[in-house]
PDB file of N, CA and C in Angstrom:
ATOM      1  N   MET A   1      84.560-102.268  46.592  1.00  0.00           N
ATOM      2  CA  MET A   1      85.612-101.182  48.222  1.00  0.00           C
ATOM      3  C   MET A   1      86.156-101.819  48.896  1.00  0.00           C
ATOM      4  N   ASN A   2      87.570-101.540  49.119  1.00  0.00           N
ATOM      5  CA  ASN A   2      87.380-102.394  50.203  1.00  0.00           C
ATOM      6  C   ASN A   2      87.285-101.910  51.534  1.00  0.00           C
ATOM      7  N   PRO A   3      87.382-102.550  52.851  1.00  0.00           N
ATOM      8  CA  PRO A   3      86.603-101.678  54.159  1.00  0.00           C
ATOM      9  C   PRO A   3      87.198-100.384  54.719  1.00  0.00           C
ATOM     10  N   ALA A   4      89.119-100.474  54.745  1.00  0.00           N
ATOM     11  CA  ALA A   4      89.700 -99.002  54.806  1.00  0.00           C
ATOM     12  C   ALA A   4      89.075 -98.179  54.557  1.00  0.00           C
ATOM     13  N   LYS A   5      88.835 -97.811  52.862  1.00  0.00           N
ATOM     14  CA  LYS A   5      88.356 -97.225  51.894  1.00  0.00           C
ATOM     15  C   LYS A   5      86.636 -96.906  52.013  1.00  0.00           C
ATOM     16  N   PHE A   6      86.219 -97.468  52.256  1.00  0.00           N
ATOM     17  CA  PHE A   6      84.385 -97.321  52.479  1.00  0.00           C
ATOM     18  C   PHE A   6      84.726 -96.618  54.063  1.00  0.00           C
ATOM     19  N   LYS A   7      85.297 -96.829  54.927  1.00  0.00           N
ATOM     20  CA  LYS A   7      85.026 -95.954  56.073  1.00  0.00           C
ATOM     21  C   LYS A   7      85.643 -95.209  56.383  1.00  0.00           C
ATOM     22  N   THR A   8      86.563 -94.397  55.563  1.00  0.00           N
ATOM     23  CA  THR A   8      87.351 -93.626  55.317  1.00  0.00           C
ATOM     24  C   THR A   8      86.406 -92.577  54.677  1.00  0.00           C
ATOM     25  N   ILE A   9      85.709 -93.335  53.163  1.00  0.00           N
ATOM     26  CA  ILE A   9      84.685 -92.350  52.624  1.00  0.00           C
ATOM     27  C   ILE A   9      83.727 -91.997  53.867  1.00  0.00           C
ATOM     28  N   ARG A  10      83.148 -92.814  54.491  1.00  0.00           N
ATOM     29  CA  ARG A  10      82.040 -92.648  55.187  1.00  0.00           C
ATOM     30  C   ARG A  10      82.186 -91.523  56.267  1.00  0.00           C
ATOM     31  N   GLU A  11      83.388 -91.444  56.570  1.00  0.00           N
ATOM     32  CA  GLU A  11      83.742 -90.632  57.615  1.00  0.00           C
ATOM     33  C   GLU A  11      84.422 -89.110  57.090  1.00  0.00           C
ATOM     34  N   ALA A  12      84.743 -88.950  55.917  1.00  0.00           N
ATOM     35  CA  ALA A  12      85.084 -87.757  54.782  1.00  0.00           C
ATOM     36  C   ALA A  12      83.901 -87.175  54.635  1.00  0.00           C
ATOM     37  N   ILE A  13      82.694 -87.753  54.504  1.00  0.00           N
ATOM     38  CA  ILE A  13      82.137 -87.255  53.864  1.00  0.00           C
ATOM     39  C   ILE A  13      80.428 -87.007  54.769  1.00  0.00           C
ATOM     40  N   GLY A  14      81.111 -86.754  56.268  1.00  0.00           N
ATOM     41  CA  GLY A  14      80.219 -87.127  57.547  1.00  0.00           C
ATOM     42  C   GLY A  14      79.171 -87.574  58.015  1.00  0.00           C
ATOM     43  N   LEU A  15      79.615 -88.378  57.854  1.00  0.00           N
ATOM     44  CA  LEU A  15      78.145 -89.702  58.287  1.00  0.00           C
ATOM     45  C   LEU A  15      78.656 -90.770  59.173  1.00  0.00           C
ATOM     46  N   SER A  16      77.907 -90.909  60.475  1.00  0.00           N
ATOM     47  CA  SER A  16      78.126 -91.430  61.375  1.00  0.00           C
ATOM     48  C   SER A  16      77.620 -93.146  61.097  1.00  0.00           C
ATOM     49  N   ILE A  17      77.632 -93.925  61.486  1.00  0.00           N
ATOM     50  CA  ILE A  17      77.744 -95.176  61.567  1.00  0.00           C
ATOM     51  C   ILE A  17      76.167 -95.558  61.313  1.00  0.00           C
ATOM     52  N   SER A  18      75.478 -94.718  62.321  1.00  0.00           N
ATOM     53  CA  SER A  18      74.141 -94.843  62.639  1.00  0.00           C
ATOM     54  C   SER A  18      73.683 -94.310  61.551  1.00  0.00           C
ATOM     55  N   GLU A  19      73.808 -93.791  60.733  1.00  0.00           N
ATOM     56  CA  GLU A  19      73.416 -92.697  60.051  1.00  0.00           C
ATOM     57  C   GLU A  19      73.572 -93.615  58.714  1.00  0.00           C
ATOM     58  N   LEU A  20      74.503 -93.587  58.536  1.00  0.00           N
ATOM     59  CA  LEU A  20      74.834 -94.337  56.702  1.00  0.00           C
ATOM     60  C   LEU A  20      74.086 -95.768  57.286  1.00  0.00           C
ATOM     61  N   SER A  21      73.613 -96.594  58.362  1.00  0.00           N
ATOM     62  CA  SER A  21      72.824 -97.655  58.180  1.00  0.00           C
ATOM     63  C   SER A  21      71.701 -97.339  58.221  1.00  0.00           C
ATOM     64  N   ASP A  22      71.037 -95.878  58.878  1.00  0.00           N
ATOM     65  CA  ASP A  22      69.590 -95.795  58.442  1.00  0.00           C
ATOM     66  C   ASP A  22      69.436 -95.709  56.892  1.00  0.00           C
ATOM     67  N   ILE A  23      70.302 -94.996  56.161  1.00  0.00           N
ATOM     68  CA  ILE A  23      70.537 -94.459  54.964  1.00  0.00           C
ATOM     69  C   ILE A  23      70.088 -96.191  54.062  1.00  0.00           C
ATOM     70  N   ALA A  24      71.483 -96.947  54.545  1.00  0.00           N
ATOM     71  CA  ALA A  24      71.603 -97.996  53.609  1.00  0.00           C
ATOM     72  C   ALA A  24      70.527 -99.374  54.318  1.00  0.00           C
ATOM     73  N   ASP A  25      69.209 -98.467  55.438  1.00  0.00           N
ATOM     74  CA  ASP A  25      68.187 -99.359  56.107  1.00  0.00           C
ATOM     75  C   ASP A  25      68.895-100.687  56.567  1.00  0.00           C
ATOM     76  N   VAL A  26      70.015-100.559  57.312  1.00  0.00           N
ATOM     77  CA  VAL A  26      70.646-101.891  57.722  1.00  0.00           C
ATOM     78  C   VAL A  26      71.146-101.715  59.386  1.00  0.00           C
ATOM     79  N   GLN A  27      71.255-102.272  60.026  1.00  0.00           N
ATOM     80  CA  GLN A  27      71.840-102.726  61.207  1.00  0.00           C
ATOM     81  C   GLN A  27      72.991-101.812  61.708  1.00  0.00           C
ATOM     82  N   PRO A  28      73.150-100.905  63.051  1.00  0.00           N
ATOM     83  CA  PRO A  28      74.694-100.795  62.938  1.00  0.00           C
ATOM     84  C   PRO A  28      75.551-101.461  62.839  1.00  0.00           C
ATOM     85  N   ARG A  29      75.344-102.606  63.397  1.00  0.00           N
ATOM     86  CA  ARG A  29      76.705-103.731  63.284  1.00  0.00           C
ATOM     87  C   ARG A  29      77.149-104.214  61.576  1.00  0.00           C
ATOM     88  N   THR A  30      75.780-103.807  60.893  1.00  0.00           N
ATOM     89  CA  THR A  30      76.366-104.747  59.561  1.00  0.00           C
ATOM     90  C   THR A  30      77.236-103.519  58.783  1.00  0.00           C
ATOM     91  N   VAL A  31      76.984-102.126  58.761  1.00  0.00           N
ATOM     92  CA  VAL A  31      78.143-101.304  58.955  1.00  0.00           C
ATOM     93  C   VAL A  31      79.785-101.717  59.582  1.00  0.00           C
ATOM     94  N   ARG A  32      79.324-101.952  60.562  1.00  0.00           N
ATOM     95  CA  ARG A  32      80.888-102.013  61.011  1.00  0.00           C
ATOM     96  C   ARG A  32      81.432-103.536  61.115  1.00  0.00           C
ATOM     97  N   TYR A  33      80.712-103.763  60.356  1.00  0.00           N
ATOM     98  CA  TYR A  33      81.126-105.482  59.433  1.00  0.00           C
ATOM     99  C   TYR A  33      81.838-105.177  58.663  1.00  0.00           C
ATOM    100  N   TRP A  34      80.991-104.552  57.989  1.00  0.00           N
ATOM    101  CA  TRP A  34      81.336-103.431  56.459  1.00  0.00           C
ATOM    102  C   TRP A  34      82.959-103.277  56.938  1.00  0.00           C
ATOM    103  N   GLU A  35      83.057-102.444  57.959  1.00  0.00           N
ATOM    104  CA  GLU A  35      83.924-101.570  57.689  1.00  0.00           C
ATOM    105  C   GLU A  35      85.350-102.299  58.481  1.00  0.00           C
ATOM    106  N   SER A  36      84.941-103.176  58.793  1.00  0.00           N
ATOM    107  CA  SER A  36      85.884-104.320  59.636  1.00  0.00           C
ATOM    108  C   SER A  36      86.829-105.635  58.891  1.00  0.00           C
ATOM    109  N   GLY A  37      85.659-105.578  57.852  1.00  0.00           N
ATOM    110  CA  GLY A  37      86.174-106.361  56.289  1.00  0.00           C
ATOM    111  C   GLY A  37      85.632-108.235  56.487  1.00  0.00           C
ATOM    112  N   ARG A  38      84.613-108.298  57.360  1.00  0.00           N
ATOM    113  CA  ARG A  38      83.736-109.325  58.221  1.00  0.00           C
ATOM    114  C   ARG A  38      83.052-109.404  56.858  1.00  0.00           C
ATOM    115  N   ASN A  39      82.280-108.757  56.492  1.00  0.00           N
ATOM    116  CA  ASN A  39      80.960-109.128  55.539  1.00  0.00           C
ATOM    117  C   ASN A  39      82.043-107.335  53.943  1.00  0.00           C
ATOM    118  N   THR A  40      81.096-107.531  53.028  1.00  0.00           N
ATOM    119  CA  THR A  40      81.688-106.741  52.021  1.00  0.00           C
ATOM    120  C   THR A  40      80.801-105.734  51.677  1.00  0.00           C
ATOM    121  N   PRO A  41      80.862-104.676  51.974  1.00  0.00           N
ATOM    122  CA  PRO A  41      79.768-103.394  51.903  1.00  0.00           C
ATOM    123  C   PRO A  41      79.169-103.656  49.990  1.00  0.00           C
ATOM    124  N   PRO A  42      77.895-103.930  50.251  1.00  0.00           N
ATOM    125  CA  PRO A  42      76.832-104.230  48.724  1.00  0.00           C
ATOM    126  C   PRO A  42      77.461-103.065  47.971  1.00  0.00           C
ATOM    127  N   ASP A  43      78.016-103.059  46.707  1.00  0.00           N
ATOM    128  CA  ASP A  43      78.494-101.795  45.843  1.00  0.00           C
ATOM    129  C   ASP A  43      77.403-101.004  45.637  1.00  0.00           C
ATOM    130  N   ASP A  44      75.878-101.504  45.619  1.00  0.00           N
ATOM    131  CA  ASP A  44      75.262-100.057  45.500  1.00  0.00           C
ATOM    132  C   ASP A  44      75.273 -99.163  46.613  1.00  0.00           C
ATOM    133  N   ILE A  45      75.920 -99.732  47.870  1.00  0.00           N
ATOM    134  CA  ILE A  45      76.148 -98.598  49.446  1.00  0.00           C
ATOM    135  C   ILE A  45      77.400 -98.118  49.223  1.00  0.00           C
ATOM    136  N   ALA A  46      78.197 -98.683  48.136  1.00  0.00           N
ATOM    137  CA  ALA A  46      79.758 -98.103  48.067  1.00  0.00           C
ATOM    138  C   ALA A  46      79.513 -96.973  46.883  1.00  0.00           C
ATOM    139  N   GLN A  47      78.743 -97.373  46.253  1.00  0.00           N
ATOM    140  CA  GLN A  47      78.866 -96.200  45.176  1.00  0.00           C
ATOM    141  C   GLN A  47      77.807 -94.921  45.403  1.00  0.00           C
ATOM    142  N   GLN A  48      76.484 -95.153  46.615  1.00  0.00           N
ATOM    143  CA  GLN A  48      76.184 -94.146  47.051  1.00  0.00           C
ATOM    144  C   GLN A  48      77.060 -93.368  47.625  1.00  0.00           C
ATOM    145  N   LEU A  49      78.385 -93.817  48.706  1.00  0.00           N
ATOM    146  CA  LEU A  49      79.066 -93.013  49.334  1.00  0.00           C
ATOM    147  C   LEU A  49      79.970 -92.501  48.663  1.00  0.00           C
ATOM    148  N   THR A  50      80.400 -92.874  47.423  1.00  0.00           N
ATOM    149  CA  THR A  50      81.144 -92.533  46.333  1.00  0.00           C
ATOM    150  C   THR A  50      80.290 -91.032  45.744  1.00  0.00           C
ATOM    151  N   LEU A  51      79.022 -91.277  45.385  1.00  0.00           N
ATOM    152  CA  LEU A  51      78.246 -90.170  44.680  1.00  0.00           C
ATOM    153  C   LEU A  51      78.501 -89.230  45.583  1.00  0.00           C
ATOM    154  N   ILE A  52      77.651 -89.428  46.559  1.00  0.00           N
ATOM    155  CA  ILE A  52      77.843 -88.307  48.164  1.00  0.00           C
ATOM    156  C   ILE A  52      79.243 -87.491  47.979  1.00  0.00           C
ATOM    157  N   ASP A  53      80.130 -88.594  47.894  1.00  0.00           N
ATOM    158  CA  ASP A  53      81.857 -87.614  47.999  1.00  0.00           C
ATOM    159  C   ASP A  53      81.530 -87.015  46.936  1.00  0.00           C
ATOM    160  N   SER A  54      81.320 -86.887  45.193  1.00  0.00           N
ATOM    161  CA  SER A  54      81.276 -86.778  44.722  1.00  0.00           C
ATOM    162  C   SER A  54      80.640 -85.080  44.509  1.00  0.00           C
ATOM    163  N   ILE A  55      79.507 -85.130  45.288  1.00  0.00           N
ATOM    164  CA  ILE A  55      78.769 -84.420  44.964  1.00  0.00           C
ATOM    165  C   ILE A  55      78.838 -83.023  45.959  1.00  0.00           C
ATOM    166  N   LEU A  56      79.991 -82.923  47.369  1.00  0.00           N
ATOM    167  CA  LEU A  56      80.140 -82.449  47.871  1.00  0.00           C
ATOM    168  C   LEU A  56      81.924 -81.709  47.059  1.00  0.00           C
ATOM    169  N   ASP A  57      82.455 -82.980  46.733  1.00  0.00           N
ATOM    170  CA  ASP A  57      83.861 -81.727  45.546  1.00  0.00           C
ATOM    171  C   ASP A  57      83.228 -81.046  44.670  1.00  0.00           C
ATOM    172  N   SER A  58      81.864 -81.214  43.892  1.00  0.00           N
ATOM    173  CA  SER A  58      80.905 -80.339  43.160  1.00  0.00           C
ATOM    174  C   SER A  58      80.439 -79.700  43.535  1.00  0.00           C
ATOM    175  N   GLN A  59      80.015 -79.560  44.783  1.00  0.00           N
ATOM    176  CA  GLN A  59      79.764 -77.694  45.301  1.00  0.00           C
ATOM    177  C   GLN A  59      80.887 -76.920  45.769  1.00  0.00           C
ATOM    178  N   VAL A  60      81.814 -77.770  46.193  1.00  0.00           N
ATOM    179  CA  VAL A  60      83.093 -77.019  46.708  1.00  0.00           C
ATOM    180  C   VAL A  60      83.506 -76.460  44.982  1.00  0.00           C
ATOM    181  N   ASN A  61      83.456 -77.095  44.129  1.00  0.00           N
ATOM    182  CA  ASN A  61      84.318 -76.389  43.015  1.00  0.00           C
ATOM    183  C   ASN A  61      83.755 -75.564  42.168  1.00  0.00           C
ATOM    184  N   HIS A  62      81.831 -75.143  42.548  1.00  0.00           N
ATOM    185  CA  HIS A  62      81.042 -74.827  41.999  1.00  0.00           C
ATOM    186  C   HIS A  62      81.013 -72.857  42.863  1.00  0.00           C
ATOM    187  N   ALA A  63      81.139 -73.460  44.253  1.00  0.00           N
ATOM    188  CA  ALA A  63      81.474 -72.225  44.889  1.00  0.00           C
ATOM    189  C   ALA A  63      83.213 -71.668  44.268  1.00  0.00           C
ATOM    190  N   ILE A  64      84.082 -72.188  44.402  1.00  0.00           N
ATOM    191  CA  ILE A  64      84.987 -71.469  43.821  1.00  0.00           C
ATOM    192  C   ILE A  64      84.496 -71.041  42.254  1.00  0.00           C
ATOM    193  N   ALA A  65      83.857 -71.246  41.651  1.00  0.00           N
ATOM    194  CA  ALA A  65      83.994 -70.864  40.217  1.00  0.00           C
ATOM    195  C   ALA A  65      83.112 -69.577  40.622  1.00  0.00           C
ATOM    196  N   ILE A  66      82.139 -69.305  41.795  1.00  0.00           N
ATOM    197  CA  ILE A  66      81.270 -68.832  41.510  1.00  0.00           C
ATOM    198  C   ILE A  66      81.956 -67.000  42.308  1.00  0.00           C
ATOM    199  N   TYR A  67      82.936 -67.744  43.153  1.00  0.00           N
ATOM    200  CA  TYR A  67      83.971 -67.156  43.959  1.00  0.00           C
ATOM    201  C   TYR A  67      84.690 -65.858  42.814  1.00  0.00           C
ATOM    202  N   GLN A  68      85.150 -67.039  42.141  1.00  0.00           N
ATOM    203  CA  GLN A  68      86.365 -66.593  40.687  1.00  0.00           C
ATOM    204  C   GLN A  68      85.367 -65.518  39.434  1.00  0.00           C
ATOM    205  N   GLU A  69      84.440 -65.761  39.705  1.00  0.00           N
ATOM    206  CA  GLU A  69      83.351 -64.678  38.901  1.00  0.00           C
ATOM    207  C   GLU A  69      83.041 -63.406  39.463  1.00  0.00           C
ATOM    208  N   LYS A  70      82.469 -63.385  40.723  1.00  0.00           N
ATOM    209  CA  LYS A  70      82.463 -62.582  41.335  1.00  0.00           C
ATOM    210  C   LYS A  70      83.410 -61.505  42.337  1.00  0.00           C
ATOM    211  N   LYS A  71      84.747 -62.388  42.650  1.00  0.00           N
ATOM    212  CA  LYS A  71      86.565 -61.846  43.226  1.00  0.00           C
ATOM    213  C   LYS A  71      85.403 -60.780  44.387  1.00  0.00           C
ATOM    214  N   PRO A  72      84.340 -61.379  45.280  1.00  0.00           N
ATOM    215  CA  PRO A  72      84.444 -60.949  46.494  1.00  0.00           C
ATOM    216  C   PRO A  72      85.618 -60.501  47.786  1.00  0.00           C
ATOM    217  N   ASP A  73      85.724 -59.788  48.400  1.00  0.00           N
ATOM    218  CA  ASP A  73      86.966 -59.216  49.338  1.00  0.00           C
ATOM    219  C   ASP A  73      87.238 -60.356  50.197  1.00  0.00           C
ATOM    220  N   GLU A  74      85.928 -61.208  50.293  1.00  0.00           N
ATOM    221  CA  GLU A  74      85.674 -62.486  51.411  1.00  0.00           C
ATOM    222  C   GLU A  74      85.036 -63.114  51.090  1.00  0.00           C
ATOM    223  N   VAL A  75      85.268 -64.620  51.277  1.00  0.00           N
ATOM    224  CA  VAL A  75      83.642 -65.687  51.478  1.00  0.00           C
ATOM    225  C   VAL A  75      83.526 -65.944  52.762  1.00  0.00           C
ATOM    226  N   VAL A  76      82.310 -66.136  52.967  1.00  0.00           N
ATOM    227  CA  VAL A  76      81.525 -66.166  53.971  1.00  0.00           C
ATOM    228  C   VAL A  76      80.982 -67.648  54.027  1.00  0.00           C
ATOM    229  N   LEU A  77      80.804 -68.893  54.025  1.00  0.00           N
ATOM    230  CA  LEU A  77      80.494 -69.609  54.480  1.00  0.00           C
ATOM    231  C   LEU A  77      79.762 -69.868  55.486  1.00  0.00           C
ATOM    232  N   TYR A  78      78.102 -70.742  55.079  1.00  0.00           N
ATOM    233  CA  TYR A  78      76.994 -70.649  56.462  1.00  0.00           C
ATOM    234  C   TYR A  78      76.777 -72.215  56.537  1.00  0.00           C
ATOM    235  N   ARG A  79      77.246 -72.334  58.261  1.00  0.00           N
ATOM    236  CA  ARG A  79      76.796 -73.437  58.875  1.00  0.00           C
ATOM    237  C   ARG A  79      75.116 -73.457  59.342  1.00  0.00           C
ATOM    238  N   TYR A  80      74.583 -74.798  59.276  1.00  0.00           N
ATOM    239  CA  TYR A  80      72.925 -74.553  59.239  1.00  0.00           C
ATOM    240  C   TYR A  80      72.935 -75.247  60.468  1.00  0.00           C
ATOM    241  N   VAL A  81      72.651 -74.362  61.841  1.00  0.00           N
ATOM    242  CA  VAL A  81      72.195 -75.620  62.859  1.00  0.00           C
ATOM    243  C   VAL A  81      71.428 -76.600  63.070  1.00  0.00           C
ATOM    244  N   ASN A  82      70.523 -77.134  62.297  1.00  0.00           N
ATOM    245  CA  ASN A  82      69.794 -78.295  62.807  1.00  0.00           C
ATOM    246  C   ASN A  82      69.779 -78.727  60.752  1.00  0.00           C
ATOM    247  N   CYS A  83      69.161 -79.818  60.796  1.00  0.00           N
ATOM    248  CA  CYS A  83      68.730 -80.356  59.200  1.00  0.00           C
ATOM    249  C   CYS A  83      67.558 -79.559  59.335  1.00  0.00           C
ATOM    250  N   ASP A  84      66.722 -79.094  59.487  1.00  0.00           N
ATOM    251  CA  ASP A  84      64.911 -78.631  58.982  1.00  0.00           C
ATOM    252  C   ASP A  84      65.326 -77.144  58.437  1.00  0.00           C
ATOM    253  N   GLU A  85      66.589 -76.819  59.254  1.00  0.00           N
ATOM    254  CA  GLU A  85      67.323 -75.581  58.419  1.00  0.00           C
ATOM    255  C   GLU A  85      68.278 -75.746  57.265  1.00  0.00           C
ATOM    256  N   LEU A  86      69.646 -76.834  57.009  1.00  0.00           N
ATOM    257  CA  LEU A  86      69.644 -77.030  56.475  1.00  0.00           C
ATOM    258  C   LEU A  86      68.899 -77.301  54.831  1.00  0.00           C
ATOM    259  N   TYR A  87      67.672 -78.293  54.589  1.00  0.00           N
ATOM    260  CA  TYR A  87      67.477 -78.562  54.007  1.00  0.00           C
ATOM    261  C   TYR A  87      66.331 -77.703  53.454  1.00  0.00           C
ATOM    262  N   LYS A  88      65.813 -76.678  54.201  1.00  0.00           N
ATOM    263  CA  LYS A  88      65.173 -75.411  53.442  1.00  0.00           C
ATOM    264  C   LYS A  88      65.957 -74.552  52.653  1.00  0.00           C
ATOM    265  N   ALA A  89      66.861 -74.540  53.254  1.00  0.00           N
ATOM    266  CA  ALA A  89      68.586 -73.097  52.184  1.00  0.00           C
ATOM    267  C   ALA A  89      68.316 -74.499  51.101  1.00  0.00           C
ATOM    268  N   HIS A  90      68.958 -75.655  51.019  1.00  0.00           N
ATOM    269  CA  HIS A  90      69.659 -76.663  50.424  1.00  0.00           C
ATOM    270  C   HIS A  90      68.543 -77.854  50.037  1.00  0.00           C
ATOM    271  N   PRO A  91      67.467 -78.011  49.563  1.00  0.00           N
ATOM    272  CA  PRO A  91      67.306 -79.692  49.142  1.00  0.00           C
ATOM    273  C   PRO A  91      67.747 -80.762  48.965  1.00  0.00           C
ATOM    274  N   GLU A  92      68.500 -80.329  48.096  1.00  0.00           N
ATOM    275  CA  GLU A  92      69.757 -81.120  47.821  1.00  0.00           C
ATOM    276  C   GLU A  92      70.268 -81.981  48.565  1.00  0.00           C
ATOM    277  N   PHE A  93      70.198 -81.524  49.821  1.00  0.00           N
ATOM    278  CA  PHE A  93      70.786 -82.059  51.369  1.00  0.00           C
ATOM    279  C   PHE A  93      70.034 -82.877  52.223  1.00  0.00           C
ATOM    280  N   LYS A  94      68.760 -83.042  51.393  1.00  0.00           N
ATOM    281  CA  LYS A  94      67.792 -83.621  51.928  1.00  0.00           C
ATOM    282  C   LYS A  94      67.801 -85.311  52.199  1.00  0.00           C
ATOM    283  N   GLY A  95      67.639 -85.682  53.757  1.00  0.00           N
ATOM    284  CA  GLY A  95      68.191 -87.059  53.473  1.00  0.00           C
ATOM    285  C   GLY A  95      69.671 -87.077  54.292  1.00  0.00           C
ATOM    286  N   LEU A  96      70.260 -86.019  54.509  1.00  0.00           N
ATOM    287  CA  LEU A  96      72.070 -86.214  54.995  1.00  0.00           C
ATOM    288  C   LEU A  96      71.781 -84.992  55.935  1.00  0.00           C
ATOM    289  N   PRO A  97      72.583 -86.044  56.475  1.00  0.00           N
ATOM    290  CA  PRO A  97      73.215 -84.755  58.466  1.00  0.00           C
ATOM    291  C   PRO A  97      73.754 -83.864  57.999  1.00  0.00           C
ATOM    292  N   VAL A  98      73.497 -82.817  58.853  1.00  0.00           N
ATOM    293  CA  VAL A  98      74.144 -81.602  58.806  1.00  0.00           C
ATOM    294  C   VAL A  98      75.638 -82.113  58.746  1.00  0.00           C
ATOM    295  N   THR A  99      75.792 -82.749  59.247  1.00  0.00           N
ATOM    296  CA  THR A  99      77.427 -82.947  59.463  1.00  0.00           C
ATOM    297  C   THR A  99      77.699 -83.494  58.170  1.00  0.00           C
ATOM    298  N   THR A 100      76.856 -83.651  57.228  1.00  0.00           N
ATOM    299  CA  THR A 100      77.708 -83.930  55.749  1.00  0.00           C
ATOM    300  C   THR A 100      78.259 -82.595  55.173  1.00  0.00           C
ATOM    301  N   HIS A 101      76.775 -81.274  55.260  1.00  0.00           N
ATOM    302  CA  HIS A 101      77.441 -80.257  55.030  1.00  0.00           C
ATOM    303  C   HIS A 101      78.532 -79.923  55.600  1.00  0.00           C
ATOM    304  N   ALA A 102      78.730 -79.738  57.132  1.00  0.00           N
ATOM    305  CA  ALA A 102      79.841 -79.144  57.572  1.00  0.00           C
ATOM    306  C   ALA A 102      81.513 -80.080  56.645  1.00  0.00           C
ATOM    307  N   ALA A 103      81.239 -81.309  56.329  1.00  0.00           N
ATOM    308  CA  ALA A 103      82.523 -81.849  55.653  1.00  0.00           C
ATOM    309  C   ALA A 103      82.148 -81.014  54.116  1.00  0.00           C
ATOM    310  N   MET A 104      81.212 -81.139  53.644  1.00  0.00           N
ATOM    311  CA  MET A 104      81.338 -80.171  52.868  1.00  0.00           C
ATOM    312  C   MET A 104      82.074 -78.690  53.012  1.00  0.00           C
ATOM    313  N   LEU A 105      81.538 -78.141  54.249  1.00  0.00           N
ATOM    314  CA  LEU A 105      82.108 -76.345  54.315  1.00  0.00           C
ATOM    315  C   LEU A 105      83.948 -76.436  54.422  1.00  0.00           C
ATOM    316  N   TYR A 106      84.016 -77.449  55.303  1.00  0.00           N
ATOM    317  CA  TYR A 106      85.652 -78.001  55.719  1.00  0.00           C
ATOM    318  C   TYR A 106      86.342 -77.759  54.090  1.00  0.00           C
ATOM    319  N   ARG A 107      85.905 -78.885  53.587  1.00  0.00           N
ATOM    320  CA  ARG A 107      86.759 -78.789  51.924  1.00  0.00           C
ATOM    321  C   ARG A 107      86.926 -77.689  51.283  1.00  0.00           C
ATOM    322  N   ALA A 108      85.129 -76.776  50.844  1.00  0.00           N
ATOM    323  CA  ALA A 108      85.528 -75.558  50.931  1.00  0.00           C
ATOM    324  C   ALA A 108      86.246 -74.562  51.426  1.00  0.00           C
ATOM    325  N   LEU A 109      86.458 -74.823  52.506  1.00  0.00           N
ATOM    326  CA  LEU A 109      87.579 -73.748  53.673  1.00  0.00           C
ATOM    327  C   LEU A 109      88.987 -73.723  53.244  1.00  0.00           C
ATOM    328  N   ARG A 110      89.195 -74.853  53.007  1.00  0.00           N
ATOM    329  CA  ARG A 110      90.411 -75.818  52.677  1.00  0.00           C
ATOM    330  C   ARG A 110      91.141 -74.837  51.476  1.00  0.00           C
ATOM    331  N   LYS A 111      90.305 -74.997  50.388  1.00  0.00           N
ATOM    332  CA  LYS A 111      90.237 -75.104  48.932  1.00  0.00           C
ATOM    333  C   LYS A 111      90.566 -73.904  48.792  1.00  0.00           C
ATOM    334  N   PHE A 112      89.664 -72.733  49.611  1.00  0.00           N
ATOM    335  CA  PHE A 112      89.305 -71.613  49.502  1.00  0.00           C
ATOM    336  C   PHE A 112      90.868 -70.991  50.245  1.00  0.00           C
ATOM    337  N   GLU A 113      91.060 -71.077  51.673  1.00  0.00           N
ATOM    338  CA  GLU A 113      92.313 -70.867  52.429  1.00  0.00           C
ATOM    339  C   GLU A 113      93.727 -71.559  51.349  1.00  0.00           C
ATOM    340  N   GLY A 114      93.924 -72.192  50.077  1.00  0.00           N
ATOM    341  CA  GLY A 114      94.730 -73.091  49.541  1.00  0.00           C
ATOM    342  C   GLY A 114      95.223 -71.967  48.375  1.00  0.00           C
ATOM    343  N   ILE A 115      94.238 -71.354  48.094  1.00  0.00           N
ATOM    344  CA  ILE A 115      94.417 -69.654  46.697  1.00  0.00           C
ATOM    345  C   ILE A 115      94.471 -68.940  47.736  1.00  0.00           C
ATOM    346  N   GLY A 116      94.200 -68.807  48.739  1.00  0.00           N
ATOM    347  CA  GLY A 116      94.649 -67.534  49.473  1.00  0.00           C
ATOM    348  C   GLY A 116      93.898 -66.213  49.571  1.00  0.00           C
ATOM    349  N   VAL A 117      92.550 -66.789  49.991  1.00  0.00           N
ATOM    350  CA  VAL A 117      90.871 -65.834  49.812  1.00  0.00           C
ATOM    351  C   VAL A 117      90.617 -66.334  50.764  1.00  0.00           C
ATOM    352  N   PRO A 118      90.164 -64.582  52.142  1.00  0.00           N
ATOM    353  CA  PRO A 118      90.156 -65.120  53.318  1.00  0.00           C
ATOM    354  C   PRO A 118      88.276 -65.334  53.536  1.00  0.00           C
ATOM    355  N   VAL A 119      88.317 -66.389  53.940  1.00  0.00           N
ATOM    356  CA  VAL A 119      86.982 -67.142  54.289  1.00  0.00           C
ATOM    357  C   VAL A 119      86.717 -67.249  55.325  1.00  0.00           C
ATOM    358  N   SER A 120      85.243 -67.568  55.854  1.00  0.00           N
ATOM    359  CA  SER A 120      84.822 -67.366  57.201  1.00  0.00           C
ATOM    360  C   SER A 120      83.644 -68.535  57.333  1.00  0.00           C
ATOM    361  N   ILE A 121      83.557 -69.217  58.412  1.00  0.00           N
ATOM    362  CA  ILE A 121      82.114 -70.078  58.468  1.00  0.00           C
ATOM    363  C   ILE A 121      81.643 -69.122  59.462  1.00  0.00           C
ATOM    364  N   GLU A 122      80.186 -69.307  59.392  1.00  0.00           N
ATOM    365  CA  GLU A 122      79.203 -68.408  60.536  1.00  0.00           C
ATOM    366  C   GLU A 122      78.061 -69.681  60.476  1.00  0.00           C
ATOM    367  N   TYR A 123      77.106 -69.578  61.859  1.00  0.00           N
ATOM    368  CA  TYR A 123      75.902 -70.202  61.566  1.00  0.00           C
ATOM    369  C   TYR A 123      75.234 -69.265  61.064  1.00  0.00           C
ATOM    370  N   LYS A 124      74.224 -69.707  60.077  1.00  0.00           N
ATOM    371  CA  LYS A 124      73.004 -69.216  59.386  1.00  0.00           C
ATOM    372  C   LYS A 124      71.788 -69.265  60.138  1.00  0.00           C
TER     373      LYS A 124
END
């Protein structure tokens, strides 16, 4: 994966350089080197980013499927104030920051708006 794509995916899934460095167990400067092209991101780290991105898309598609089945008048998406609350409600996000969940919410918001569904985001 080239450096620009790597950085774009990292940002799109709501991870800061510091958060990715914690996940990858490397120094933040290592992530900066990967993103600048000085060093090549390891395949396993690039694959993790791609996997997280796919999981977020899958979660959004699941939410759309639930909407299409139940057809509520509006959709309310919930944002969590902190990681503890997020992990209680969604253990599948364990180890990821609330900003990754927020990135997913934004994807869902855009998708629902795109099909004309009234949608809001509220704190849980």
